[in-house]
PDB file of N, CA and C in Angstrom:
ATOM      1  N   MET A   1      -8.650 -45.955   8.156  1.00  0.00           N
ATOM      2  CA  MET A   1      -7.733 -44.976   8.633  1.00  0.00           C
ATOM      3  C   MET A   1      -8.207 -43.597   8.192  1.00  0.00           C
ATOM      4  N   LEU A   2      -8.189 -42.638   9.097  1.00  0.00           N
ATOM      5  CA  LEU A   2      -8.668 -41.282   8.846  1.00  0.00           C
ATOM      6  C   LEU A   2      -7.517 -40.419   8.321  1.00  0.00           C
ATOM      7  N   HIS A   3      -7.746 -39.800   7.194  1.00  0.00           N
ATOM      8  CA  HIS A   3      -6.741 -38.903   6.620  1.00  0.00           C
ATOM      9  C   HIS A   3      -7.262 -37.474   6.684  1.00  0.00           C
ATOM     10  N   THR A   4      -6.417 -36.586   7.106  1.00  0.00           N
ATOM     11  CA  THR A   4      -6.807 -35.175   7.129  1.00  0.00           C
ATOM     12  C   THR A   4      -5.916 -34.401   6.172  1.00  0.00           C
ATOM     13  N   ALA A   5      -6.459 -33.330   5.679  1.00  0.00           N
ATOM     14  CA  ALA A   5      -5.704 -32.477   4.754  1.00  0.00           C
ATOM     15  C   ALA A   5      -4.616 -31.744   5.530  1.00  0.00           C
ATOM     16  N   PRO A   6      -3.502 -31.496   4.896  1.00  0.00           N
ATOM     17  CA  PRO A   6      -2.457 -30.729   5.578  1.00  0.00           C
ATOM     18  C   PRO A   6      -2.964 -29.327   5.884  1.00  0.00           C
ATOM     19  N   PRO A   7      -2.437 -28.705   6.923  1.00  0.00           N
ATOM     20  CA  PRO A   7      -2.907 -27.354   7.249  1.00  0.00           C
ATOM     21  C   PRO A   7      -2.591 -26.379   6.118  1.00  0.00           C
ATOM     22  N   ALA A   8      -3.487 -25.439   5.951  1.00  0.00           N
ATOM     23  CA  ALA A   8      -3.296 -24.430   4.905  1.00  0.00           C
ATOM     24  C   ALA A   8      -2.191 -23.476   5.336  1.00  0.00           C
ATOM     25  N   PRO A   9      -1.425 -22.981   4.382  1.00  0.00           N
ATOM     26  CA  PRO A   9      -0.398 -22.004   4.737  1.00  0.00           C
ATOM     27  C   PRO A   9      -1.049 -20.728   5.252  1.00  0.00           C
ATOM     28  N   PRO A  10      -0.343 -19.954   6.071  1.00  0.00           N
ATOM     29  CA  PRO A  10      -0.930 -18.711   6.571  1.00  0.00           C
ATOM     30  C   PRO A  10      -1.186 -17.745   5.423  1.00  0.00           C
ATOM     31  N   PRO A  11      -2.231 -16.918   5.538  1.00  0.00           N
ATOM     32  CA  PRO A  11      -2.530 -15.973   4.470  1.00  0.00           C
ATOM     33  C   PRO A  11      -1.424 -14.930   4.345  1.00  0.00           C
ATOM     34  N   VAL A  12      -1.171 -14.529   3.117  1.00  0.00           N
ATOM     35  CA  VAL A  12      -0.156 -13.517   2.841  1.00  0.00           C
ATOM     36  C   VAL A  12      -0.782 -12.462   1.945  1.00  0.00           C
ATOM     37  N   ALA A  13      -0.616 -11.208   2.328  1.00  0.00           N
ATOM     38  CA  ALA A  13      -1.141 -10.113   1.515  1.00  0.00           C
ATOM     39  C   ALA A  13      -0.309  -9.976   0.242  1.00  0.00           C
ATOM     40  N   PRO A  14      -0.904  -9.432  -0.814  1.00  0.00           N
ATOM     41  CA  PRO A  14      -0.142  -9.234  -2.049  1.00  0.00           C
ATOM     42  C   PRO A  14       1.086  -8.361  -1.786  1.00  0.00           C
ATOM     43  N   GLU A  15       2.166  -8.644  -2.454  1.00  0.00           N
ATOM     44  CA  GLU A  15       3.388  -7.872  -2.275  1.00  0.00           C
ATOM     45  C   GLU A  15       3.372  -6.664  -3.188  1.00  0.00           C
ATOM     46  N   MET A  16       3.866  -5.546  -2.669  1.00  0.00           N
ATOM     47  CA  MET A  16       4.025  -4.377  -3.513  1.00  0.00           C
ATOM     48  C   MET A  16       5.332  -4.505  -4.284  1.00  0.00           C
ATOM     49  N   LEU A  17       5.372  -3.939  -5.459  1.00  0.00           N
ATOM     50  CA  LEU A  17       6.575  -3.964  -6.281  1.00  0.00           C
ATOM     51  C   LEU A  17       7.450  -2.782  -5.892  1.00  0.00           C
ATOM     52  N   LEU A  18       8.682  -3.070  -5.515  1.00  0.00           N
ATOM     53  CA  LEU A  18       9.623  -2.033  -5.111  1.00  0.00           C
ATOM     54  C   LEU A  18      10.864  -2.099  -5.977  1.00  0.00           C
ATOM     55  N   SER A  19      11.372  -0.938  -6.383  1.00  0.00           N
ATOM     56  CA  SER A  19      12.666  -0.918  -7.055  1.00  0.00           C
ATOM     57  C   SER A  19      13.333   0.420  -6.787  1.00  0.00           C
ATOM     58  N   GLY A  20      14.649   0.354  -6.665  1.00  0.00           N
ATOM     59  CA  GLY A  20      15.421   1.556  -6.420  1.00  0.00           C
ATOM     60  C   GLY A  20      16.389   1.364  -5.282  1.00  0.00           C
ATOM     61  N   PRO A  21      17.132   2.419  -4.931  1.00  0.00           N
ATOM     62  CA  PRO A  21      18.099   2.338  -3.828  1.00  0.00           C
ATOM     63  C   PRO A  21      17.392   2.038  -2.505  1.00  0.00           C
ATOM     64  N   VAL A  22      17.913   1.072  -1.779  1.00  0.00           N
ATOM     65  CA  VAL A  22      17.256   0.593  -0.557  1.00  0.00           C
ATOM     66  C   VAL A  22      17.057   1.705   0.459  1.00  0.00           C
ATOM     67  N   ASP A  23      18.076   2.534   0.693  1.00  0.00           N
ATOM     68  CA  ASP A  23      17.936   3.578   1.709  1.00  0.00           C
ATOM     69  C   ASP A  23      16.830   4.567   1.348  1.00  0.00           C
ATOM     70  N   ALA A  24      16.717   4.931   0.088  1.00  0.00           N
ATOM     71  CA  ALA A  24      15.668   5.845  -0.347  1.00  0.00           C
ATOM     72  C   ALA A  24      14.296   5.170  -0.293  1.00  0.00           C
ATOM     73  N   LEU A  25      14.227   3.890  -0.634  1.00  0.00           N
ATOM     74  CA  LEU A  25      12.961   3.152  -0.522  1.00  0.00           C
ATOM     75  C   LEU A  25      12.486   3.119   0.925  1.00  0.00           C
ATOM     76  N   LEU A  26      13.406   2.835   1.851  1.00  0.00           N
ATOM     77  CA  LEU A  26      13.037   2.772   3.263  1.00  0.00           C
ATOM     78  C   LEU A  26      12.572   4.124   3.775  1.00  0.00           C
ATOM     79  N   ARG A  27      13.250   5.194   3.392  1.00  0.00           N
ATOM     80  CA  ARG A  27      12.816   6.546   3.796  1.00  0.00           C
ATOM     81  C   ARG A  27      11.425   6.856   3.254  1.00  0.00           C
ATOM     82  N   THR A  28      11.208   6.485   2.001  1.00  0.00           N
ATOM     83  CA  THR A  28       9.923   6.763   1.369  1.00  0.00           C
ATOM     84  C   THR A  28       8.802   5.955   2.018  1.00  0.00           C
ATOM     85  N   LEU A  29       9.038   4.669   2.239  1.00  0.00           N
ATOM     86  CA  LEU A  29       8.012   3.845   2.887  1.00  0.00           C
ATOM     87  C   LEU A  29       7.718   4.324   4.300  1.00  0.00           C
ATOM     88  N   ASP A  30       8.759   4.756   5.018  1.00  0.00           N
ATOM     89  CA  ASP A  30       8.543   5.295   6.361  1.00  0.00           C
ATOM     90  C   ASP A  30       7.664   6.536   6.292  1.00  0.00           C
ATOM     91  N   ALA A  31       7.927   7.411   5.323  1.00  0.00           N
ATOM     92  CA  ALA A  31       7.102   8.609   5.159  1.00  0.00           C
ATOM     93  C   ALA A  31       5.661   8.235   4.808  1.00  0.00           C
ATOM     94  N   LEU A  32       5.489   7.240   3.947  1.00  0.00           N
ATOM     95  CA  LEU A  32       4.138   6.827   3.542  1.00  0.00           C
ATOM     96  C   LEU A  32       3.380   6.133   4.668  1.00  0.00           C
ATOM     97  N   ARG A  33       4.091   5.616   5.654  1.00  0.00           N
ATOM     98  CA  ARG A  33       3.408   5.030   6.820  1.00  0.00           C
ATOM     99  C   ARG A  33       2.728   6.093   7.673  1.00  0.00           C
ATOM    100  N   HIS A  34       3.016   7.358   7.409  1.00  0.00           N
ATOM    101  CA  HIS A  34       2.357   8.457   8.123  1.00  0.00           C
ATOM    102  C   HIS A  34       1.156   8.988   7.352  1.00  0.00           C
ATOM    103  N   VAL A  35       0.876   8.384   6.209  1.00  0.00           N
ATOM    104  CA  VAL A  35      -0.290   8.766   5.402  1.00  0.00           C
ATOM    105  C   VAL A  35      -1.407   7.778   5.696  1.00  0.00           C
ATOM    106  N   CYS A  36      -2.479   8.289   6.279  1.00  0.00           N
ATOM    107  CA  CYS A  36      -3.587   7.410   6.662  1.00  0.00           C
ATOM    108  C   CYS A  36      -4.766   7.569   5.722  1.00  0.00           C
ATOM    109  N   ASP A  37      -5.434   6.472   5.476  1.00  0.00           N
ATOM    110  CA  ASP A  37      -6.697   6.502   4.759  1.00  0.00           C
ATOM    111  C   ASP A  37      -7.724   7.062   5.740  1.00  0.00           C
ATOM    112  N   PRO A  38      -8.348   8.207   5.441  1.00  0.00           N
ATOM    113  CA  PRO A  38      -9.246   8.832   6.405  1.00  0.00           C
ATOM    114  C   PRO A  38     -10.487   8.005   6.732  1.00  0.00           C
ATOM    115  N   ALA A  39     -10.892   7.142   5.833  1.00  0.00           N
ATOM    116  CA  ALA A  39     -12.090   6.341   6.083  1.00  0.00           C
ATOM    117  C   ALA A  39     -11.829   5.214   7.076  1.00  0.00           C
ATOM    118  N   VAL A  40     -10.580   4.732   7.119  1.00  0.00           N
ATOM    119  CA  VAL A  40     -10.254   3.563   7.949  1.00  0.00           C
ATOM    120  C   VAL A  40      -9.352   3.931   9.122  1.00  0.00           C
ATOM    121  N   GLY A  41      -8.534   4.970   8.940  1.00  0.00           N
ATOM    122  CA  GLY A  41      -7.632   5.381  10.002  1.00  0.00           C
ATOM    123  C   GLY A  41      -6.366   4.540  10.102  1.00  0.00           C
ATOM    124  N   GLU A  42      -6.024   3.834   9.047  1.00  0.00           N
ATOM    125  CA  GLU A  42      -4.800   3.023   8.990  1.00  0.00           C
ATOM    126  C   GLU A  42      -3.917   3.599   7.892  1.00  0.00           C
ATOM    127  N   ASN A  43      -2.614   3.343   7.989  1.00  0.00           N
ATOM    128  CA  ASN A  43      -1.714   3.901   6.979  1.00  0.00           C
ATOM    129  C   ASN A  43      -1.801   3.111   5.674  1.00  0.00           C
ATOM    130  N   ILE A  44      -1.450   3.800   4.590  1.00  0.00           N
ATOM    131  CA  ILE A  44      -1.637   3.216   3.261  1.00  0.00           C
ATOM    132  C   ILE A  44      -0.677   2.079   2.967  1.00  0.00           C
ATOM    133  N   VAL A  45       0.460   2.032   3.667  1.00  0.00           N
ATOM    134  CA  VAL A  45       1.394   0.912   3.466  1.00  0.00           C
ATOM    135  C   VAL A  45       0.780  -0.356   4.040  1.00  0.00           C
ATOM    136  N   ASP A  46       0.353  -0.305   5.289  1.00  0.00           N
ATOM    137  CA  ASP A  46      -0.222  -1.491   5.932  1.00  0.00           C
ATOM    138  C   ASP A  46      -1.576  -1.876   5.364  1.00  0.00           C
ATOM    139  N   LEU A  47      -2.273  -0.920   4.765  1.00  0.00           N
ATOM    140  CA  LEU A  47      -3.548  -1.243   4.110  1.00  0.00           C
ATOM    141  C   LEU A  47      -3.345  -1.936   2.765  1.00  0.00           C
ATOM    142  N   GLY A  48      -2.117  -1.928   2.260  1.00  0.00           N
ATOM    143  CA  GLY A  48      -1.863  -2.553   0.960  1.00  0.00           C
ATOM    144  C   GLY A  48      -2.347  -1.705  -0.194  1.00  0.00           C
ATOM    145  N   MET A  49      -2.368  -0.383   0.004  1.00  0.00           N
ATOM    146  CA  MET A  49      -2.845   0.510  -1.046  1.00  0.00           C
ATOM    147  C   MET A  49      -1.746   0.900  -2.029  1.00  0.00           C
ATOM    148  N   ILE A  50      -0.504   0.450  -1.762  1.00  0.00           N
ATOM    149  CA  ILE A  50       0.598   0.735  -2.679  1.00  0.00           C
ATOM    150  C   ILE A  50       0.794  -0.474  -3.582  1.00  0.00           C
ATOM    151  N   GLU A  51       0.592  -0.259  -4.852  1.00  0.00           N
ATOM    152  CA  GLU A  51       0.803  -1.323  -5.835  1.00  0.00           C
ATOM    153  C   GLU A  51       2.279  -1.390  -6.209  1.00  0.00           C
ATOM    154  N   SER A  52       2.891  -0.211  -6.423  1.00  0.00           N
ATOM    155  CA  SER A  52       4.317  -0.199  -6.744  1.00  0.00           C
ATOM    156  C   SER A  52       4.940   1.129  -6.347  1.00  0.00           C
ATOM    157  N   LEU A  53       6.239   1.041  -6.070  1.00  0.00           N
ATOM    158  CA  LEU A  53       7.046   2.212  -5.745  1.00  0.00           C
ATOM    159  C   LEU A  53       8.387   2.013  -6.428  1.00  0.00           C
ATOM    160  N   ARG A  54       8.693   2.909  -7.364  1.00  0.00           N
ATOM    161  CA  ARG A  54       9.944   2.799  -8.130  1.00  0.00           C
ATOM    162  C   ARG A  54      10.702   4.113  -8.003  1.00  0.00           C
ATOM    163  N   LEU A  55      11.956   4.012  -7.611  1.00  0.00           N
ATOM    164  CA  LEU A  55      12.821   5.171  -7.473  1.00  0.00           C
ATOM    165  C   LEU A  55      13.985   5.036  -8.441  1.00  0.00           C
ATOM    166  N   SER A  56      14.252   6.114  -9.170  1.00  0.00           N
ATOM    167  CA  SER A  56      15.409   6.142 -10.059  1.00  0.00           C
ATOM    168  C   SER A  56      15.899   7.583 -10.114  1.00  0.00           C
ATOM    169  N   ASP A  57      16.978   7.813 -10.764  1.00  0.00           N
ATOM    170  CA  ASP A  57      17.662   9.111 -10.852  1.00  0.00           C
ATOM    171  C   ASP A  57      16.721  10.315 -10.742  1.00  0.00           C
ATOM    172  N   GLY A  58      16.479  10.774  -9.532  1.00  0.00           N
ATOM    173  CA  GLY A  58      15.693  11.988  -9.321  1.00  0.00           C
ATOM    174  C   GLY A  58      14.214  11.852  -9.572  1.00  0.00           C
ATOM    175  N   GLU A  59      13.718  10.624  -9.680  1.00  0.00           N
ATOM    176  CA  GLU A  59      12.289  10.406  -9.940  1.00  0.00           C
ATOM    177  C   GLU A  59      11.714   9.343  -9.014  1.00  0.00           C
ATOM    178  N   VAL A  60      10.449   9.533  -8.670  1.00  0.00           N
ATOM    179  CA  VAL A  60       9.687   8.543  -7.915  1.00  0.00           C
ATOM    180  C   VAL A  60       8.407   8.264  -8.681  1.00  0.00           C
ATOM    181  N   GLU A  61       8.100   6.995  -8.853  1.00  0.00           N
ATOM    182  CA  GLU A  61       6.819   6.595  -9.431  1.00  0.00           C
ATOM    183  C   GLU A  61       6.075   5.798  -8.368  1.00  0.00           C
ATOM    184  N   LEU A  62       4.931   6.312  -7.951  1.00  0.00           N
ATOM    185  CA  LEU A  62       4.098   5.636  -6.962  1.00  0.00           C
ATOM    186  C   LEU A  62       2.765   5.305  -7.611  1.00  0.00           C
ATOM    187  N   ARG A  63       2.403   4.027  -7.578  1.00  0.00           N
ATOM    188  CA  ARG A  63       1.108   3.587  -8.112  1.00  0.00           C
ATOM    189  C   ARG A  63       0.280   3.095  -6.937  1.00  0.00           C
ATOM    190  N   LEU A  64      -0.842   3.761  -6.711  1.00  0.00           N
ATOM    191  CA  LEU A  64      -1.737   3.423  -5.609  1.00  0.00           C
ATOM    192  C   LEU A  64      -2.926   2.613  -6.102  1.00  0.00           C
ATOM    193  N   VAL A  65      -3.393   1.739  -5.241  1.00  0.00           N
ATOM    194  CA  VAL A  65      -4.639   1.021  -5.481  1.00  0.00           C
ATOM    195  C   VAL A  65      -5.728   1.844  -4.811  1.00  0.00           C
ATOM    196  N   SER A  66      -6.754   2.135  -5.535  1.00  0.00           N
ATOM    197  CA  SER A  66      -7.833   2.961  -5.013  1.00  0.00           C
ATOM    198  C   SER A  66      -8.951   2.092  -4.466  1.00  0.00           C
ATOM    199  N   ALA A  67      -9.655   2.622  -3.497  1.00  0.00           N
ATOM    200  CA  ALA A  67     -10.819   1.917  -2.954  1.00  0.00           C
ATOM    201  C   ALA A  67     -11.965   1.923  -3.961  1.00  0.00           C
ATOM    202  N   GLY A  68     -11.862   2.737  -4.970  1.00  0.00           N
ATOM    203  CA  GLY A  68     -12.872   2.791  -6.022  1.00  0.00           C
ATOM    204  C   GLY A  68     -12.716   4.069  -6.814  1.00  0.00           C
ATOM    205  N   ALA A  69     -13.071   4.015  -8.066  1.00  0.00           N
ATOM    206  CA  ALA A  69     -12.896   5.179  -8.939  1.00  0.00           C
ATOM    207  C   ALA A  69     -13.690   6.384  -8.441  1.00  0.00           C
ATOM    208  N   SER A  70     -14.798   6.133  -7.778  1.00  0.00           N
ATOM    209  CA  SER A  70     -15.637   7.242  -7.320  1.00  0.00           C
ATOM    210  C   SER A  70     -15.399   7.597  -5.855  1.00  0.00           C
ATOM    211  N   CYS A  71     -14.389   7.012  -5.223  1.00  0.00           N
ATOM    212  CA  CYS A  71     -14.115   7.293  -3.820  1.00  0.00           C
ATOM    213  C   CYS A  71     -13.598   8.724  -3.674  1.00  0.00           C
ATOM    214  N   PRO A  72     -14.317   9.586  -2.954  1.00  0.00           N
ATOM    215  CA  PRO A  72     -13.892  10.983  -2.843  1.00  0.00           C
ATOM    216  C   PRO A  72     -12.615  11.150  -2.010  1.00  0.00           C
ATOM    217  N   LEU A  73     -12.264  10.167  -1.212  1.00  0.00           N
ATOM    218  CA  LEU A  73     -11.084  10.285  -0.370  1.00  0.00           C
ATOM    219  C   LEU A  73      -9.805   9.870  -1.082  1.00  0.00           C
ATOM    220  N   SER A  74      -9.919   9.251  -2.255  1.00  0.00           N
ATOM    221  CA  SER A  74      -8.734   8.807  -2.995  1.00  0.00           C
ATOM    222  C   SER A  74      -7.813   9.964  -3.334  1.00  0.00           C
ATOM    223  N   ASP A  75      -8.374  11.085  -3.774  1.00  0.00           N
ATOM    224  CA  ASP A  75      -7.548  12.237  -4.124  1.00  0.00           C
ATOM    225  C   ASP A  75      -6.884  12.831  -2.892  1.00  0.00           C
ATOM    226  N   LEU A  76      -7.586  12.863  -1.775  1.00  0.00           N
ATOM    227  CA  LEU A  76      -7.011  13.373  -0.533  1.00  0.00           C
ATOM    228  C   LEU A  76      -5.841  12.503  -0.094  1.00  0.00           C
ATOM    229  N   THR A  77      -6.012  11.207  -0.146  1.00  0.00           N
ATOM    230  CA  THR A  77      -4.938  10.277   0.223  1.00  0.00           C
ATOM    231  C   THR A  77      -3.762  10.418  -0.724  1.00  0.00           C
ATOM    232  N   ALA A  78      -4.022  10.558  -2.014  1.00  0.00           N
ATOM    233  CA  ALA A  78      -2.953  10.729  -2.999  1.00  0.00           C
ATOM    234  C   ALA A  78      -2.192  12.026  -2.744  1.00  0.00           C
ATOM    235  N   ASP A  79      -2.893  13.107  -2.425  1.00  0.00           N
ATOM    236  CA  ASP A  79      -2.232  14.377  -2.111  1.00  0.00           C
ATOM    237  C   ASP A  79      -1.336  14.239  -0.883  1.00  0.00           C
ATOM    238  N   ASP A  80      -1.830  13.558   0.142  1.00  0.00           N
ATOM    239  CA  ASP A  80      -1.035  13.337   1.350  1.00  0.00           C
ATOM    240  C   ASP A  80       0.204  12.502   1.046  1.00  0.00           C
ATOM    241  N   ALA A  81       0.062  11.487   0.191  1.00  0.00           N
ATOM    242  CA  ALA A  81       1.194  10.643  -0.191  1.00  0.00           C
ATOM    243  C   ALA A  81       2.221  11.463  -0.972  1.00  0.00           C
ATOM    244  N   PHE A  82       1.748  12.301  -1.855  1.00  0.00           N
ATOM    245  CA  PHE A  82       2.640  13.156  -2.648  1.00  0.00           C
ATOM    246  C   PHE A  82       3.472  14.045  -1.732  1.00  0.00           C
ATOM    247  N   ARG A  83       2.808  14.700  -0.775  1.00  0.00           N
ATOM    248  CA  ARG A  83       3.513  15.589   0.158  1.00  0.00           C
ATOM    249  C   ARG A  83       4.487  14.819   1.045  1.00  0.00           C
ATOM    250  N   ALA A  84       4.125  13.601   1.444  1.00  0.00           N
ATOM    251  CA  ALA A  84       5.020  12.787   2.277  1.00  0.00           C
ATOM    252  C   ALA A  84       6.298  12.442   1.510  1.00  0.00           C
ATOM    253  N   ILE A  85       6.143  12.116   0.234  1.00  0.00           N
ATOM    254  CA  ILE A  85       7.324  11.807  -0.581  1.00  0.00           C
ATOM    255  C   ILE A  85       8.176  13.058  -0.783  1.00  0.00           C
ATOM    256  N   GLN A  86       7.529  14.208  -0.994  1.00  0.00           N
ATOM    257  CA  GLN A  86       8.271  15.462  -1.145  1.00  0.00           C
ATOM    258  C   GLN A  86       9.137  15.734   0.084  1.00  0.00           C
ATOM    259  N   ARG A  87       8.590  15.476   1.275  1.00  0.00           N
ATOM    260  CA  ARG A  87       9.357  15.701   2.505  1.00  0.00           C
ATOM    261  C   ARG A  87      10.503  14.697   2.636  1.00  0.00           C
ATOM    262  N   ALA A  88      10.261  13.453   2.238  1.00  0.00           N
ATOM    263  CA  ALA A  88      11.284  12.413   2.382  1.00  0.00           C
ATOM    264  C   ALA A  88      12.384  12.536   1.337  1.00  0.00           C
ATOM    265  N   LEU A  89      12.000  12.931   0.125  1.00  0.00           N
ATOM    266  CA  LEU A  89      12.955  13.013  -0.981  1.00  0.00           C
ATOM    267  C   LEU A  89      12.800  14.357  -1.699  1.00  0.00           C
ATOM    268  N   PRO A  90      13.263  15.430  -1.063  1.00  0.00           N
ATOM    269  CA  PRO A  90      13.130  16.740  -1.721  1.00  0.00           C
ATOM    270  C   PRO A  90      13.915  16.762  -3.032  1.00  0.00           C
ATOM    271  N   ASP A  91      13.545  17.667  -3.900  1.00  0.00           N
ATOM    272  CA  ASP A  91      14.202  17.819  -5.208  1.00  0.00           C
ATOM    273  C   ASP A  91      14.077  16.562  -6.069  1.00  0.00           C
ATOM    274  N   THR A  92      12.946  15.880  -5.921  1.00  0.00           N
ATOM    275  CA  THR A  92      12.682  14.668  -6.696  1.00  0.00           C
ATOM    276  C   THR A  92      11.376  14.862  -7.455  1.00  0.00           C
ATOM    277  N   ASP A  93      11.354  14.483  -8.723  1.00  0.00           N
ATOM    278  CA  ASP A  93      10.113  14.516  -9.496  1.00  0.00           C
ATOM    279  C   ASP A  93       9.255  13.325  -9.077  1.00  0.00           C
ATOM    280  N   ILE A  94       7.974  13.586  -8.820  1.00  0.00           N
ATOM    281  CA  ILE A  94       7.080  12.547  -8.310  1.00  0.00           C
ATOM    282  C   ILE A  94       5.946  12.331  -9.303  1.00  0.00           C
ATOM    283  N   TYR A  95       5.761  11.076  -9.675  1.00  0.00           N
ATOM    284  CA  TYR A  95       4.674  10.688 -10.568  1.00  0.00           C
ATOM    285  C   TYR A  95       3.784   9.714  -9.808  1.00  0.00           C
ATOM    286  N   LEU A  96       2.553  10.127  -9.574  1.00  0.00           N
ATOM    287  CA  LEU A  96       1.634   9.326  -8.772  1.00  0.00           C
ATOM    288  C   LEU A  96       0.401   9.007  -9.606  1.00  0.00           C
ATOM    289  N   THR A  97       0.054   7.729  -9.639  1.00  0.00           N
ATOM    290  CA  THR A  97      -1.133   7.308 -10.382  1.00  0.00           C
ATOM    291  C   THR A  97      -1.963   6.353  -9.532  1.00  0.00           C
ATOM    292  N   HIS A  98      -3.227   6.253  -9.895  1.00  0.00           N
ATOM    293  CA  HIS A  98      -4.131   5.262  -9.300  1.00  0.00           C
ATOM    294  C   HIS A  98      -4.264   4.122 -10.289  1.00  0.00           C
ATOM    295  N   ASP A  99      -4.062   2.914  -9.829  1.00  0.00           N
ATOM    296  CA  ASP A  99      -4.230   1.740 -10.683  1.00  0.00           C
ATOM    297  C   ASP A  99      -5.675   1.265 -10.551  1.00  0.00           C
ATOM    298  N   LEU A 100      -6.504   1.687 -11.482  1.00  0.00           N
ATOM    299  CA  LEU A 100      -7.927   1.345 -11.415  1.00  0.00           C
ATOM    300  C   LEU A 100      -8.197  -0.085 -11.855  1.00  0.00           C
ATOM    301  N   ASP A 101      -7.172  -0.770 -12.387  1.00  0.00           N
ATOM    302  CA  ASP A 101      -7.334  -2.166 -12.794  1.00  0.00           C
ATOM    303  C   ASP A 101      -7.179  -3.129 -11.630  1.00  0.00           C
ATOM    304  N   VAL A 102      -6.655  -2.634 -10.507  1.00  0.00           N
ATOM    305  CA  VAL A 102      -6.472  -3.474  -9.315  1.00  0.00           C
ATOM    306  C   VAL A 102      -7.482  -3.033  -8.277  1.00  0.00           C
ATOM    307  N   GLU A 103      -8.300  -3.956  -7.852  1.00  0.00           N
ATOM    308  CA  GLU A 103      -9.337  -3.641  -6.875  1.00  0.00           C
ATOM    309  C   GLU A 103      -8.801  -3.851  -5.463  1.00  0.00           C
ATOM    310  N   TRP A 104      -8.938  -2.828  -4.611  1.00  0.00           N
ATOM    311  CA  TRP A 104      -8.514  -2.965  -3.233  1.00  0.00           C
ATOM    312  C   TRP A 104      -9.564  -3.768  -2.469  1.00  0.00           C
ATOM    313  N   SER A 105      -9.079  -4.594  -1.565  1.00  0.00           N
ATOM    314  CA  SER A 105      -9.957  -5.306  -0.646  1.00  0.00           C
ATOM    315  C   SER A 105      -9.180  -5.489   0.657  1.00  0.00           C
ATOM    316  N   PRO A 106      -9.848  -5.811   1.751  1.00  0.00           N
ATOM    317  CA  PRO A 106      -9.140  -6.034   3.011  1.00  0.00           C
ATOM    318  C   PRO A 106      -8.070  -7.120   2.913  1.00  0.00           C
ATOM    319  N   ALA A 107      -8.175  -8.002   1.940  1.00  0.00           N
ATOM    320  CA  ALA A 107      -7.181  -9.058   1.777  1.00  0.00           C
ATOM    321  C   ALA A 107      -5.802  -8.483   1.442  1.00  0.00           C
ATOM    322  N   ARG A 108      -5.746  -7.244   0.927  1.00  0.00           N
ATOM    323  CA  ARG A 108      -4.462  -6.609   0.599  1.00  0.00           C
ATOM    324  C   ARG A 108      -3.759  -6.089   1.843  1.00  0.00           C
ATOM    325  N   ALA A 109      -4.473  -5.905   2.928  1.00  0.00           N
ATOM    326  CA  ALA A 109      -3.908  -5.325   4.153  1.00  0.00           C
ATOM    327  C   ALA A 109      -3.008  -6.330   4.879  1.00  0.00           C
ATOM    328  N   SER A 110      -2.113  -5.784   5.694  1.00  0.00           N
ATOM    329  CA  SER A 110      -1.250  -6.657   6.499  1.00  0.00           C
ATOM    330  C   SER A 110      -2.100  -7.431   7.504  1.00  0.00           C
ATOM    331  N   ALA A 111      -1.556  -8.541   7.976  1.00  0.00           N
ATOM    332  CA  ALA A 111      -2.277  -9.364   8.950  1.00  0.00           C
ATOM    333  C   ALA A 111      -2.592  -8.559  10.209  1.00  0.00           C
ATOM    334  N   ALA A 112      -1.646  -7.738  10.657  1.00  0.00           N
ATOM    335  CA  ALA A 112      -1.866  -6.933  11.865  1.00  0.00           C
ATOM    336  C   ALA A 112      -2.997  -5.928  11.646  1.00  0.00           C
ATOM    337  N   THR A 113      -3.048  -5.331  10.471  1.00  0.00           N
ATOM    338  CA  THR A 113      -4.116  -4.375  10.166  1.00  0.00           C
ATOM    339  C   THR A 113      -5.463  -5.075  10.109  1.00  0.00           C
ATOM    340  N   ARG A 114      -5.501  -6.240   9.457  1.00  0.00           N
ATOM    341  CA  ARG A 114      -6.765  -6.988   9.400  1.00  0.00           C
ATOM    342  C   ARG A 114      -7.233  -7.355  10.807  1.00  0.00           C
ATOM    343  N   ALA A 115      -6.306  -7.733  11.673  1.00  0.00           N
ATOM    344  CA  ALA A 115      -6.676  -8.101  13.047  1.00  0.00           C
ATOM    345  C   ALA A 115      -7.200  -6.882  13.810  1.00  0.00           C
ATOM    346  N   ARG A 116      -6.505  -5.736  13.687  1.00  0.00           N
ATOM    347  CA  ARG A 116      -6.947  -4.517  14.385  1.00  0.00           C
ATOM    348  C   ARG A 116      -8.331  -4.088  13.936  1.00  0.00           C
ATOM    349  N   GLN A 117      -8.596  -4.236  12.640  1.00  0.00           N
ATOM    350  CA  GLN A 117      -9.875  -3.799  12.074  1.00  0.00           C
ATOM    351  C   GLN A 117     -10.976  -4.850  12.228  1.00  0.00           C
ATOM    352  N   GLY A 118     -10.585  -6.058  12.631  1.00  0.00           N
ATOM    353  CA  GLY A 118     -11.581  -7.118  12.759  1.00  0.00           C
ATOM    354  C   GLY A 118     -12.020  -7.678  11.418  1.00  0.00           C
ATOM    355  N   TRP A 119     -11.176  -7.521  10.403  1.00  0.00           N
ATOM    356  CA  TRP A 119     -11.511  -8.024   9.066  1.00  0.00           C
ATOM    357  C   TRP A 119     -11.141  -9.491   8.999  1.00  0.00           C
ATOM    358  N   LYS A 120     -12.105 -10.331   8.852  1.00  0.00           N
ATOM    359  CA  LYS A 120     -11.870 -11.758   8.696  1.00  0.00           C
ATOM    360  C   LYS A 120     -12.061 -12.050   7.214  1.00  0.00           C
ATOM    361  N   THR A 121     -10.954 -12.211   6.533  1.00  0.00           N
ATOM    362  CA  THR A 121     -11.024 -12.389   5.088  1.00  0.00           C
ATOM    363  C   THR A 121     -10.038 -13.455   4.663  1.00  0.00           C
ATOM    364  N   ALA A 122     -10.404 -14.215   3.711  1.00  0.00           N
ATOM    365  CA  ALA A 122      -9.504 -15.246   3.174  1.00  0.00           C
ATOM    366  C   ALA A 122      -8.601 -14.609   2.134  1.00  0.00           C
ATOM    367  N   ILE A 123      -7.367 -14.979   2.142  1.00  0.00           N
ATOM    368  CA  ILE A 123      -6.409 -14.509   1.153  1.00  0.00           C
ATOM    369  C   ILE A 123      -6.339 -15.552   0.057  1.00  0.00           C
ATOM    370  N   ARG A 124      -6.413 -15.100  -1.179  1.00  0.00           N
ATOM    371  CA  ARG A 124      -6.305 -16.037  -2.299  1.00  0.00           C
ATOM    372  C   ARG A 124      -4.904 -16.107  -2.785  1.00  0.00           C
TER     373      ARG A 124
END
């Protein structure tokens, strides 16, 4: 009798950590969807470049995953993200950092983004 392995579950990109009031999180994520990585032309939310987004009393903490410590476009993308948050949540203190301990790869991107870009990558 022939036995086959069960089908593998569909790949899932890593989840970003979110905390704070839902309405403000949604406004902020919507604003960040207008921030594109200039090298790829996709927004940073769908690329999986956001490691965490935390909102609390008048403060926003955004931690981005960088394509690399020496990537010259990382600062440009971070500046664009900062300005997008300022527009979405005026009068809010914004703390933005790059998490250099987390390596970005196409596996972090949404399935739709990977398909548009033609990235065939296995998700671990």
